Amino acid sequence: GIDIIAYKDELPPRILVQVKSIDGDIKESVLQSLKGAMREGDYGLFVTLSNYTKNALNYLDNTPIIRGINGTELVELVLKYYDQLDDKYQNMIPLKKVYIPVLKTEEE
């Protein structure tokens, strides 16, 4: 089912969010279930810590009103926007920047 119903403001469009943490990749049929719960004008967001099957990725490519985020992308988004997160969420995911020296290559 739908885990989160979000709005940018008081008016539509709605953003329906479904979150799945399962063993194995997400199949096209699971994405179709999200689409089936959507009304005209809605957008969908499907978030998983795993990945998507090839057919599911094709479905996402052909269904622009649904965006899929896999585990790798979720981690990248958290790291990219971590400094902008509310303190409440930073306390839930306490991270510290660590700098590591690297050798410069001739290309740099």
Protein backbone atom coordinates (compact mmCIF):
# COMPACT_ATOMS: atom_id res chain seq x y z
CA GLY A 1 0.00 0.00 0.00
CA ILE A 2 0.81 3.67 0.04
CA ASP A 3 3.12 4.68 2.91
CA ILE A 4 3.09 8.48 2.52
CA ILE A 5 0.74 10.92 0.82
CA ALA A 6 2.51 14.24 0.31
CA TYR A 7 1.51 17.59 -1.15
CA LYS A 8 3.69 20.51 -2.19
CA ASP A 9 0.97 22.73 -0.76
CA GLU A 10 -2.74 22.44 0.10
CA LEU A 11 -3.68 21.80 -3.53
CA PRO A 12 -3.03 18.82 -5.77
CA PRO A 13 -1.01 17.21 -7.18
CA ARG A 14 -0.55 14.53 -4.59
CA ILE A 15 2.68 12.59 -4.36
CA LEU A 16 2.11 8.97 -3.34
CA VAL A 17 5.17 7.34 -1.81
CA GLN A 18 5.66 3.63 -1.41
CA VAL A 19 8.67 2.26 0.48
CA LYS A 20 9.76 -1.38 0.27
CA SER A 21 12.55 -3.21 2.02
CA ILE A 22 12.53 -6.73 0.64
CA ASP A 23 15.03 -9.39 -0.32
CA GLY A 24 15.47 -9.36 -4.06
CA ASP A 25 14.77 -6.79 -6.71
CA ILE A 26 11.50 -4.91 -7.17
CA LYS A 27 9.38 -6.31 -9.99
CA GLU A 28 7.26 -4.44 -12.51
CA SER A 29 4.04 -5.74 -10.92
CA VAL A 30 4.86 -3.92 -7.66
CA LEU A 31 5.23 -0.64 -9.56
CA GLN A 32 1.98 -1.33 -11.38
CA SER A 33 0.28 -1.64 -7.98
CA LEU A 34 1.49 1.84 -7.07
CA LYS A 35 0.19 3.17 -10.41
CA GLY A 36 -3.15 1.47 -9.72
CA ALA A 37 -3.50 3.40 -6.45
CA MET A 38 -2.86 6.72 -8.18
CA ARG A 39 -5.56 9.10 -9.37
CA GLU A 40 -5.33 11.38 -12.38
CA GLY A 41 -2.83 14.15 -11.67
CA ASP A 42 -0.96 12.17 -8.98
CA TYR A 43 2.75 11.48 -9.01
CA GLY A 44 4.38 8.40 -7.55
CA LEU A 45 7.66 7.82 -5.78
CA PHE A 46 8.88 4.29 -5.11
CA VAL A 47 11.81 3.92 -2.70
CA THR A 48 13.64 0.67 -2.06
CA LEU A 49 16.92 -0.31 -0.45
CA SER A 50 17.34 -3.01 -3.08
CA ASN A 51 17.16 -2.51 -6.84
CA TYR A 52 14.74 -2.94 -9.74
CA THR A 53 14.47 -5.76 -12.26
CA LYS A 54 15.12 -4.95 -15.92
CA ASN A 55 11.38 -5.01 -16.65
CA ALA A 56 10.72 -2.70 -13.69
CA LEU A 57 13.35 -0.25 -14.95
CA ASN A 58 11.72 -0.30 -18.39
CA TYR A 59 8.36 0.36 -16.74
CA LEU A 60 9.80 3.35 -14.85
CA ASP A 61 11.34 4.68 -18.07
CA ASN A 62 7.94 4.52 -19.76
CA THR A 63 5.95 5.89 -16.81
CA PRO A 64 7.25 9.41 -16.20
CA ILE A 65 4.77 10.08 -13.39
CA ILE A 66 6.52 7.48 -11.20
CA ARG A 67 10.09 7.88 -10.02
CA GLY A 68 12.06 4.99 -8.59
CA ILE A 69 14.88 5.41 -6.11
CA ASN A 70 17.09 2.43 -5.26
CA GLY A 71 19.36 1.94 -2.25
CA THR A 72 22.43 3.42 -3.91
CA GLU A 73 20.59 6.55 -5.02
CA LEU A 74 18.99 6.92 -1.59
CA VAL A 75 22.42 6.94 0.08
CA GLU A 76 23.69 9.44 -2.51
CA LEU A 77 20.71 11.74 -1.83
CA VAL A 78 21.21 11.55 1.94
CA LEU A 79 24.89 12.44 1.56
CA LYS A 80 24.18 15.24 -0.94
CA TYR A 81 21.51 16.93 1.18
CA TYR A 82 22.68 15.92 4.67
CA ASP A 83 23.71 19.47 5.64
CA GLN A 84 20.21 20.71 4.74
CA LEU A 85 18.40 18.11 6.86
CA ASP A 86 16.68 19.20 10.05
CA ASP A 87 18.66 18.45 13.23
CA LYS A 88 16.06 15.82 14.13
CA TYR A 89 16.99 13.78 11.05
CA GLN A 90 20.71 14.41 11.38
CA ASN A 91 20.47 12.98 14.90
CA MET A 92 18.74 9.89 13.49
CA ILE A 93 21.58 9.43 10.98
CA PRO A 94 24.67 10.85 12.72
CA LEU A 95 27.37 11.34 10.07
CA LYS A 96 30.75 13.04 10.24
CA LYS A 97 32.81 14.28 7.31
CA VAL A 98 36.18 12.61 7.05
CA TYR A 99 38.87 13.85 4.69
CA ILE A 100 41.24 11.34 3.16
CA PRO A 101 44.42 12.42 1.36
CA VAL A 102 44.74 11.03 -2.15
CA LEU A 103 47.57 11.09 -4.64
CA LYS A 104 47.09 13.51 -7.50
CA THR A 105 47.21 12.05 -10.96
CA GLU A 106 48.57 13.89 -13.96
CA GLU A 107 45.02 14.39 -15.25
CA GLU A 108 44.01 16.52 -12.25
